[in-house]
């Protein structure tokens, strides 16, 4: 991995990006189920 010489030249993370790749969907689903508190999973509707 390359060392970042100046973090001011980096781009911020775009939290509104999405992916249609099944590998990414599987990872997000795993994180959602295993790493978030159970009460978050009980709410109906779309994931926040």
Protein backbone atom coordinates (compact mmCIF):
# COMPACT_ATOMS: atom_id res chain seq x y z
CA UNK A 1 0.00 0.00 0.00
CA UNK A 2 1.32 3.43 -0.88
CA UNK A 3 2.13 5.93 1.83
CA UNK A 4 0.06 9.12 1.71
CA UNK A 5 2.52 12.00 1.45
CA UNK A 6 -0.06 14.70 2.06
CA UNK A 7 -3.56 13.81 3.26
CA UNK A 8 -4.78 17.23 2.01
CA UNK A 9 -4.54 15.81 -1.53
CA UNK A 10 -6.89 12.91 -0.70
CA UNK A 11 -10.56 12.71 -1.61
CA UNK A 12 -13.19 12.39 1.14
CA UNK A 13 -15.19 9.18 1.36
CA UNK A 14 -18.48 9.46 -0.56
CA UNK A 15 -21.08 7.92 1.76
CA UNK A 16 -23.73 8.04 -0.98
CA UNK A 17 -22.02 5.55 -3.30
CA UNK A 18 -23.45 2.12 -3.89
CA UNK A 19 -22.45 -1.07 -5.59
CA UNK A 20 -24.42 -3.76 -7.41
CA UNK A 21 -21.65 -6.34 -6.96
CA UNK A 22 -22.85 -9.44 -5.07
CA UNK A 23 -19.60 -9.57 -3.08
CA UNK A 24 -20.16 -6.07 -1.74
CA UNK A 25 -23.80 -6.83 -0.94
CA UNK A 26 -22.75 -9.96 0.97
CA UNK A 27 -20.18 -7.99 2.97
CA UNK A 28 -22.66 -5.23 3.83
CA UNK A 29 -25.28 -7.79 4.86
CA UNK A 30 -22.73 -9.59 7.06
CA UNK A 31 -21.69 -6.32 8.74
CA UNK A 32 -25.35 -5.36 9.20
CA UNK A 33 -26.19 -8.69 10.86
CA UNK A 34 -23.03 -9.31 12.90
CA UNK A 35 -21.70 -5.89 13.89
CA UNK A 36 -24.77 -3.77 14.60
CA UNK A 37 -26.89 -4.06 17.74
CA UNK A 38 -29.95 -6.34 17.40
CA UNK A 39 -32.45 -3.54 18.04
CA UNK A 40 -31.41 -1.88 14.77
CA UNK A 41 -32.31 -5.03 12.84
CA UNK A 42 -35.82 -5.14 14.35
CA UNK A 43 -37.06 -1.92 12.77
CA UNK A 44 -39.18 -2.35 9.63
CA UNK A 45 -38.42 -0.50 6.44
CA UNK A 46 -35.25 0.26 4.51
CA UNK A 47 -31.86 0.22 6.14
CA UNK A 48 -30.75 3.71 7.22
